[in-house]
């Protein structure tokens, strides 16, 4: 009886252990499955809703057309978005690759109201609207501007870039920060504000290298140029620099020599302004060729002439200084100065120089008692030393 009884104990114990293990396995399986489903639901519920931020803020007013305008989403992504003006026209914009930010890519209009629409989706799957509106500034006045250079033109090695405004500019630093100059090859230069506060010029430290390619961008639209006054339009220009031609004229030797690439290619006898009269003296200093006219009518009522016709006129300053044909003073050319400030040449020499002159060429005069300066007009840029020039930048330290 003991052997059968003793043999049954291990069997009964094994059965009990097996039952316990099966029970534990079943319990673990049920518990794990239940916990997994509940955890997933809890994870979805715990995901945050999308947070939408619009810039400028809803209801903002007086926004400048070039101020940053964007909508960003935290804890979610943008699914649709549009910014429209009162006419329902959409503003151009760009969405980031991760779908969390959309930014306006064009300037807005003046005095307009813009409205957001669209929605974002958060990690919890819920939609959040993109909404709100803002308005842009209504300027007290608009200021226009114009350039002295044109697209696809070729200029001489002394050519400055000039932006002339229709009214006084007081917010010079903001304007200058917006201006962009790109050159090939790279060229050192600087902007400078001239005395009337209506114009800003850029010139290189030294004469341009021949063949330089220049791109100038002036995004003036949307910039506050003065208190309550904003820019009318953007300006962009691309041009080239031509051959290196320089005129060297001397009022005491009565000669005008032309150099190209460092080599003298012409040397003319000339008559400059009468030295005994300060009002007639040809100014010393680096002039710049500004324009050319086959026929030009001179006017100087103070000296008794109006609409006086001359041929082959090349303007080198705004104070009435030209080279031109002067058949009446051929006997004086190379001998004495008798003009009213112009450089008198014989008809054949005036025509020859006219044909070789290029707007932007430097015209260096020396020997006279009067110096070229601000009172002589727009292109007195090269009368300043580099230190003086850079000090006239609104960003000078």
Protein backbone atom coordinates (compact mmCIF):
# COMPACT_ATOMS: atom_id res chain seq x y z
CA UNK A 1 0.00 0.00 0.00
CA UNK A 2 2.89 2.35 0.64
CA UNK A 3 4.37 2.02 -2.79
CA UNK A 4 1.19 2.95 -4.63
CA UNK A 5 0.50 5.73 -2.24
CA UNK A 6 4.10 6.98 -2.46
CA UNK A 7 4.01 6.90 -6.28
CA UNK A 8 0.86 8.97 -6.48
CA UNK A 9 2.32 11.91 -4.62
CA UNK A 10 4.72 13.07 -7.33
CA UNK A 11 1.98 12.81 -9.92
CA UNK A 12 -0.39 14.84 -7.83
CA UNK A 13 2.29 17.44 -7.12
CA UNK A 14 3.17 17.72 -10.81
CA UNK A 15 -0.45 18.23 -11.70
CA UNK A 16 -0.76 20.93 -9.11
CA UNK A 17 2.36 22.73 -10.40
CA UNK A 18 1.14 22.45 -13.97
CA UNK A 19 -2.20 23.89 -13.02
CA UNK A 20 -0.56 26.80 -11.26
CA UNK A 21 1.71 27.48 -14.24
CA UNK A 22 -1.19 27.33 -16.65
CA UNK A 23 -3.13 29.65 -14.42
CA UNK A 24 -0.27 32.10 -14.23
CA UNK A 25 0.26 31.98 -17.95
CA UNK A 26 -3.38 32.65 -18.60
CA UNK A 27 -3.42 35.42 -16.05
CA UNK A 28 -0.33 37.04 -17.48
CA UNK A 29 -1.70 36.88 -21.00
CA UNK A 30 -5.02 38.44 -20.04
CA UNK A 31 -3.40 41.12 -17.94
CA UNK A 32 -0.84 42.00 -20.65
CA UNK A 33 -3.47 42.27 -23.36
CA UNK A 34 -5.70 44.45 -21.23
CA UNK A 35 -2.87 46.72 -20.17
CA UNK A 36 -1.63 47.11 -23.77
CA UNK A 37 -5.00 48.27 -25.11
CA UNK A 38 -5.57 50.63 -22.22
CA UNK A 39 -2.01 52.06 -22.57
CA UNK A 40 -2.51 52.83 -26.27
CA UNK A 41 -5.73 54.67 -25.58
CA UNK A 42 -4.11 56.58 -22.78
CA UNK A 43 -1.16 57.51 -25.10
CA UNK A 44 -3.46 58.99 -27.74
CA UNK A 45 -5.38 60.91 -25.10
CA UNK A 46 -2.15 62.24 -23.63
CA UNK A 47 -0.84 63.61 -26.98
CA UNK A 48 -1.12 67.45 -26.94
CA UNK A 49 -3.31 69.46 -29.25
CA UNK A 50 -1.64 71.55 -31.95
CA UNK A 51 -0.70 75.09 -30.88
CA UNK A 52 -1.02 77.66 -33.67
CA UNK A 53 0.84 80.99 -33.54
CA UNK A 54 0.35 83.68 -36.17
CA UNK A 55 2.77 86.57 -36.69
CA UNK A 56 1.76 89.36 -36.55
CA UNK A 57 -0.79 88.73 -33.83
CA UNK A 58 -4.51 88.73 -34.48
CA UNK A 59 -5.78 92.30 -34.68
CA UNK A 60 -2.36 93.88 -35.19
CA UNK A 61 -2.33 97.15 -37.12
CA UNK A 62 0.27 99.29 -38.88
CA UNK A 63 2.36 96.34 -40.06
CA UNK A 64 5.04 97.29 -42.60
CA UNK A 65 4.70 95.33 -45.88
CA UNK A 66 8.10 93.72 -45.40
CA UNK A 67 7.73 92.79 -41.72
CA UNK A 68 7.87 89.00 -41.04
CA UNK A 69 4.50 87.34 -41.68
CA UNK A 70 4.17 83.65 -40.83
CA UNK A 71 2.13 80.99 -39.04
CA UNK A 72 3.85 78.28 -36.98
CA UNK A 73 2.55 75.16 -35.29
CA UNK A 74 3.90 73.40 -32.21
CA UNK A 75 2.93 69.76 -31.44
CA UNK A 76 1.37 69.34 -34.85
CA UNK A 77 1.54 70.17 -38.55
CA UNK A 78 -0.16 72.53 -40.97
CA UNK A 79 -2.65 70.75 -43.23
CA UNK A 80 -3.99 73.78 -45.09
CA UNK A 81 -3.27 77.51 -44.93
CA UNK A 82 -4.03 80.69 -46.88
CA UNK A 83 -3.57 84.41 -46.33
CA UNK A 84 -5.93 86.60 -48.35
CA UNK A 85 -6.55 90.31 -48.79
CA UNK A 86 -9.96 91.98 -48.84
CA UNK A 87 -10.42 91.02 -52.50
CA UNK A 88 -9.88 87.35 -51.77
CA UNK A 89 -6.49 87.25 -53.47
CA UNK A 90 -4.03 84.81 -51.97
CA UNK A 91 -0.59 85.91 -50.83
CA UNK A 92 2.36 83.80 -51.98
CA UNK A 93 4.07 81.79 -49.28
CA UNK A 94 6.17 78.71 -48.58
CA UNK A 95 5.65 75.76 -46.23
CA UNK A 96 8.63 74.21 -44.49
CA UNK A 97 9.48 70.58 -45.24
CA UNK A 98 8.32 69.44 -41.80
CA UNK A 99 4.99 71.22 -42.21
CA UNK A 100 5.33 73.27 -39.04
CA UNK A 101 5.72 76.76 -40.51
CA UNK A 102 4.37 78.78 -43.47
CA UNK A 103 5.95 82.13 -44.38
CA UNK A 104 4.87 84.89 -46.76
CA UNK A 105 7.31 85.25 -49.66
CA UNK A 106 6.15 88.54 -51.23
CA UNK A 107 5.70 92.08 -49.89
CA UNK A 108 2.18 92.95 -48.78
CA UNK A 109 0.25 95.98 -49.91
CA UNK A 110 -0.07 99.30 -48.12
CA UNK A 111 -3.26 99.97 -46.14
CA UNK A 112 -4.78 96.49 -46.54
CA UNK A 113 -6.36 93.92 -44.22
CA UNK A 114 -5.24 90.30 -44.45
CA UNK A 115 -7.07 87.25 -43.09
CA UNK A 116 -5.77 83.76 -42.23
CA UNK A 117 -7.66 80.54 -42.98
CA UNK A 118 -6.82 76.83 -42.77
CA UNK A 119 -6.17 74.28 -40.05
CA UNK A 120 -3.48 72.29 -38.31
CA UNK A 121 -3.62 68.77 -36.83
CA UNK A 122 -2.04 67.85 -33.51
CA UNK A 123 -0.68 64.55 -32.25
CA UNK A 124 -4.08 63.81 -30.77
CA UNK A 125 -5.60 63.84 -34.25
CA UNK A 126 -7.77 66.86 -33.60
CA UNK A 127 -8.00 69.83 -36.00
CA UNK A 128 -7.16 73.33 -34.79
CA UNK A 129 -8.22 76.30 -36.95
CA UNK A 130 -5.74 78.80 -38.40
CA UNK A 131 -7.54 82.12 -38.19
CA UNK A 132 -7.21 85.82 -37.40
CA UNK A 133 -6.42 89.00 -39.30
CA UNK A 134 -4.15 92.04 -39.28
CA UNK A 135 -3.74 95.26 -41.28
CA UNK A 136 -0.76 96.94 -42.90
CA UNK A 137 0.39 100.52 -42.50
CA UNK A 138 -1.24 103.32 -44.45
CA UNK A 139 1.66 105.71 -45.27
CA UNK A 140 1.28 109.45 -44.82
CA UNK A 141 3.16 109.76 -48.10
CA UNK A 142 5.05 107.67 -50.62
CA UNK A 143 8.61 108.51 -51.68
CA UNK A 144 9.83 107.49 -55.11
CA UNK A 145 13.45 106.94 -56.14
CA UNK A 146 15.45 106.68 -59.36
CA UNK A 147 18.80 105.30 -60.46
CA UNK A 148 21.54 106.87 -62.56
CA UNK A 149 22.48 103.58 -64.22
CA UNK A 150 20.52 101.27 -66.51
CA UNK A 151 20.27 97.57 -67.24
CA UNK A 152 22.75 96.02 -69.65
CA UNK A 153 24.68 99.26 -70.04
CA UNK A 154 28.46 99.68 -69.98
CA UNK A 155 30.08 102.47 -67.96
CA UNK A 156 33.51 103.92 -67.32
CA UNK A 157 35.75 102.97 -64.42
CA UNK A 158 34.77 105.97 -62.23
CA UNK A 159 30.99 105.44 -62.45
CA UNK A 160 29.20 105.84 -59.10
CA UNK A 161 25.84 104.22 -58.41
CA UNK A 162 23.36 106.87 -57.34
CA UNK A 163 19.89 106.48 -55.84
CA UNK A 164 18.06 109.80 -55.77
CA UNK A 165 14.89 110.12 -53.67
CA UNK A 166 11.97 112.44 -54.32
CA UNK A 167 12.06 113.66 -50.73
CA UNK A 168 14.42 113.82 -47.77
CA UNK A 169 15.40 110.51 -46.19
CA UNK A 170 15.88 110.44 -42.42
CA UNK A 171 15.86 106.69 -41.75
CA UNK A 172 19.18 106.29 -43.55
CA UNK A 173 20.52 103.29 -41.62
CA UNK A 174 17.45 101.15 -42.42
CA UNK A 175 17.71 102.07 -46.09
CA UNK A 176 21.42 101.38 -46.30
CA UNK A 177 21.05 97.99 -44.57
CA UNK A 178 18.58 96.97 -47.26
CA UNK A 179 20.82 97.93 -50.20
CA UNK A 180 22.80 95.13 -51.85
CA UNK A 181 25.79 95.28 -54.18
CA UNK A 182 27.19 92.18 -55.91
CA UNK A 183 30.30 92.46 -58.10
CA UNK A 184 32.46 90.10 -60.13
CA UNK A 185 35.32 90.35 -59.39
CA UNK A 186 34.74 91.32 -55.75
CA UNK A 187 35.11 95.07 -55.32
CA UNK A 188 35.60 97.06 -52.13
CA UNK A 189 33.25 100.00 -51.90
CA UNK A 190 30.85 101.90 -49.68
CA UNK A 191 27.60 103.83 -49.65
CA UNK A 192 27.70 107.50 -48.66
CA UNK A 193 24.87 109.98 -48.06
CA UNK A 194 25.49 113.28 -49.76
CA UNK A 195 24.79 116.67 -48.26
CA UNK A 196 21.19 117.12 -49.38
CA UNK A 197 19.87 113.91 -47.73
CA UNK A 198 18.05 113.14 -50.97
CA UNK A 199 20.65 110.81 -52.46
CA UNK A 200 22.95 107.95 -51.53
CA UNK A 201 25.90 106.95 -53.72
CA UNK A 202 28.05 103.82 -53.89
CA UNK A 203 31.56 104.03 -55.26
CA UNK A 204 34.52 101.65 -55.14
CA UNK A 205 37.57 102.51 -53.07
CA UNK A 206 39.62 102.71 -56.28
CA UNK A 207 38.44 102.93 -59.87
CA UNK A 208 36.49 99.87 -61.02
CA UNK A 209 38.47 97.03 -62.59
CA UNK A 210 37.72 96.88 -66.34
CA UNK A 211 35.11 94.26 -67.18
CA UNK A 212 33.52 94.17 -63.71
CA UNK A 213 29.93 92.86 -63.61
CA UNK A 214 27.66 94.68 -61.16
CA UNK A 215 24.23 93.88 -59.71
CA UNK A 216 22.54 96.37 -57.40
CA UNK A 217 19.31 95.62 -55.51
CA UNK A 218 17.40 98.26 -53.57
CA UNK A 219 14.29 96.74 -51.93
CA UNK A 220 12.82 100.11 -50.92
CA UNK A 221 9.13 99.19 -51.04
CA UNK A 222 7.82 98.73 -47.53
CA UNK A 223 10.72 100.50 -45.83
CA UNK A 224 9.99 103.59 -43.75
CA UNK A 225 12.29 106.17 -45.33
CA UNK A 226 11.23 109.00 -43.04
CA UNK A 227 8.58 109.50 -40.36
CA UNK A 228 5.34 108.22 -41.92
CA UNK A 229 6.90 108.05 -45.41
CA UNK A 230 7.53 104.74 -47.18
CA UNK A 231 9.28 103.62 -50.35
CA UNK A 232 7.28 103.46 -53.56
CA UNK A 233 9.03 100.59 -55.36
CA UNK A 234 12.03 98.28 -55.45
CA UNK A 235 14.95 99.07 -57.75
CA UNK A 236 17.23 96.52 -59.40
CA UNK A 237 19.93 97.02 -62.02
CA UNK A 238 22.67 95.01 -63.72
CA UNK A 239 25.46 96.64 -65.70
CA UNK A 240 29.11 96.27 -66.69
CA UNK A 241 32.30 98.31 -66.51
CA UNK A 242 34.13 98.85 -69.80
CA UNK A 243 37.72 99.62 -70.72
CA UNK A 244 39.97 101.72 -68.46
CA UNK A 245 40.04 105.20 -69.97
CA UNK A 246 41.19 108.27 -68.04
CA UNK A 247 41.52 111.90 -69.11
CA UNK A 248 44.30 113.95 -67.51
CA UNK A 249 43.91 117.68 -68.14
CA UNK A 250 46.06 120.54 -66.88
CA UNK A 251 44.87 124.13 -66.91
CA UNK A 252 48.44 125.45 -66.73
CA UNK A 253 49.92 123.44 -69.61
CA UNK A 254 46.66 123.86 -71.56
CA UNK A 255 46.66 120.21 -72.55
CA UNK A 256 44.09 117.40 -72.35
CA UNK A 257 45.54 113.87 -72.65
CA UNK A 258 43.56 110.63 -72.96
CA UNK A 259 44.93 107.37 -71.54
CA UNK A 260 43.51 103.92 -72.19
CA UNK A 261 44.85 100.95 -70.28
CA UNK A 262 47.64 103.21 -69.04
CA UNK A 263 48.77 104.15 -72.56
CA UNK A 264 48.39 107.68 -73.94
CA UNK A 265 46.18 107.53 -77.02
CA UNK A 266 45.49 111.25 -77.55
CA UNK A 267 46.86 114.63 -76.48
CA UNK A 268 44.92 117.78 -77.38
CA UNK A 269 45.66 121.48 -76.99
CA UNK A 270 42.80 122.98 -74.96
CA UNK A 271 41.56 126.23 -73.47
CA UNK A 272 40.06 126.11 -69.98
CA UNK A 273 38.07 128.62 -67.91
CA UNK A 274 39.35 132.18 -67.61
CA UNK A 275 41.39 132.24 -64.41
CA UNK A 276 40.89 135.91 -63.57
CA UNK A 277 37.18 135.31 -62.97
CA UNK A 278 36.36 132.81 -60.16
CA UNK A 279 32.98 132.23 -61.81
CA UNK A 280 34.63 130.96 -64.97
CA UNK A 281 37.46 128.82 -63.60
CA UNK A 282 37.44 125.14 -64.61
CA UNK A 283 37.45 123.18 -61.33
CA UNK A 284 40.38 120.96 -60.38
CA UNK A 285 39.58 117.45 -59.19
CA UNK A 286 38.27 114.16 -60.54
CA UNK A 287 35.20 114.79 -62.68
CA UNK A 288 33.08 112.01 -64.20
CA UNK A 289 31.65 111.92 -67.72
CA UNK A 290 27.90 112.32 -67.21
CA UNK A 291 26.40 112.57 -70.70
CA UNK A 292 27.15 113.16 -74.37
CA UNK A 293 25.36 115.45 -76.85
CA UNK A 294 26.10 115.88 -80.55
CA UNK A 295 24.46 119.30 -80.25
CA UNK A 296 23.94 121.19 -77.01
CA UNK A 297 22.54 124.64 -76.24
CA UNK A 298 24.47 126.47 -73.53
CA UNK A 299 22.76 128.89 -71.16
CA UNK A 300 24.44 131.35 -68.81
CA UNK A 301 22.34 134.54 -68.57
CA UNK A 302 24.74 136.03 -66.02
CA UNK A 303 27.41 136.09 -68.71
CA UNK A 304 25.11 137.22 -71.47
CA UNK A 305 24.33 134.11 -73.50
CA UNK A 306 21.32 131.78 -73.85
CA UNK A 307 20.72 128.82 -76.16
CA UNK A 308 24.24 129.10 -77.51
CA UNK A 309 24.77 126.09 -79.78
CA UNK A 310 27.88 123.94 -79.49
CA UNK A 311 28.84 120.64 -81.12
CA UNK A 312 30.25 117.40 -79.67
CA UNK A 313 29.55 118.28 -76.03
CA UNK A 314 30.61 115.89 -73.25
CA UNK A 315 29.31 116.90 -69.79
CA UNK A 316 31.74 116.36 -66.90
CA UNK A 317 29.91 118.15 -64.06
CA UNK A 318 26.58 119.77 -63.17
CA UNK A 319 28.08 123.26 -62.93
CA UNK A 320 28.25 123.73 -66.70
CA UNK A 321 31.59 122.09 -67.43
CA UNK A 322 31.79 120.31 -70.81
CA UNK A 323 34.33 119.50 -73.43
CA UNK A 324 33.02 120.76 -76.77
CA UNK A 325 34.01 122.11 -80.13
CA UNK A 326 35.02 125.77 -79.97
CA UNK A 327 36.18 126.96 -83.40
CA UNK A 328 36.24 130.54 -82.13
CA UNK A 329 39.06 129.79 -79.65
CA UNK A 330 41.32 127.51 -81.69
CA UNK A 331 44.10 130.14 -81.59
CA UNK A 332 43.93 130.16 -77.78
CA UNK A 333 43.86 126.39 -77.35
CA UNK A 334 47.17 125.18 -75.98
CA UNK A 335 48.15 128.78 -75.15
CA UNK A 336 45.76 130.46 -72.73
CA UNK A 337 42.47 129.95 -70.87
CA UNK A 338 39.55 131.99 -72.19
CA UNK A 339 36.38 129.89 -71.74
CA UNK A 340 33.51 130.23 -69.29
CA UNK A 341 34.56 126.99 -67.54
CA UNK A 342 34.33 124.46 -70.35
CA UNK A 343 37.25 122.72 -72.03
CA UNK A 344 37.45 124.18 -75.51
CA UNK A 345 38.75 121.90 -78.29
CA UNK A 346 39.02 122.22 -82.03
CA UNK A 347 36.05 120.73 -83.91
CA UNK A 348 38.04 117.69 -85.07
CA UNK A 349 39.53 117.03 -81.63
CA UNK A 350 36.17 117.52 -79.92
CA UNK A 351 34.58 115.00 -82.28
CA UNK A 352 37.40 112.51 -81.77
CA UNK A 353 37.11 112.70 -77.98
CA UNK A 354 33.30 112.60 -78.17
CA UNK A 355 33.46 109.30 -80.04
CA UNK A 356 35.79 107.67 -77.50
CA UNK A 357 34.17 108.98 -74.29
CA UNK A 358 31.99 106.70 -72.17
CA UNK A 359 29.61 107.73 -69.41
CA UNK A 360 31.44 107.10 -66.14
CA UNK A 361 34.95 107.82 -67.46
CA UNK A 362 37.13 109.74 -65.00
CA UNK A 363 38.20 113.21 -66.13
CA UNK A 364 41.01 114.44 -63.91
CA UNK A 365 41.72 118.18 -63.93
CA UNK A 366 44.60 119.86 -62.15
CA UNK A 367 46.23 123.26 -62.02
CA UNK A 368 43.30 125.60 -61.36
CA UNK A 369 42.54 127.77 -58.34
CA UNK A 370 39.08 126.27 -57.71
CA UNK A 371 38.32 122.73 -56.48
CA UNK A 372 35.43 120.54 -57.57
CA UNK A 373 33.00 119.99 -54.70
CA UNK A 374 29.37 119.49 -53.59
CA UNK A 375 28.20 122.78 -55.12
CA UNK A 376 29.24 121.43 -58.52
CA UNK A 377 26.52 118.78 -58.60
CA UNK A 378 25.94 115.07 -58.36
CA UNK A 379 29.21 113.48 -59.38
CA UNK A 380 31.78 114.89 -57.01
CA UNK A 381 32.22 111.46 -55.38
CA UNK A 382 35.93 111.20 -56.18
CA UNK A 383 36.80 114.49 -54.49
CA UNK A 384 36.59 112.71 -51.12
CA UNK A 385 39.35 110.59 -49.65
CA UNK A 386 38.33 107.00 -48.86
CA UNK A 387 38.26 107.83 -45.14
CA UNK A 388 36.00 110.82 -45.77
CA UNK A 389 33.75 108.78 -48.05
CA UNK A 390 33.21 105.89 -45.65
CA UNK A 391 32.51 108.33 -42.80
CA UNK A 392 29.43 109.49 -44.73
CA UNK A 393 27.85 106.03 -44.53
CA UNK A 394 24.87 105.83 -42.15
CA UNK A 395 26.43 102.61 -40.83
CA UNK A 396 29.83 104.14 -40.09
CA UNK A 397 31.06 103.21 -36.64
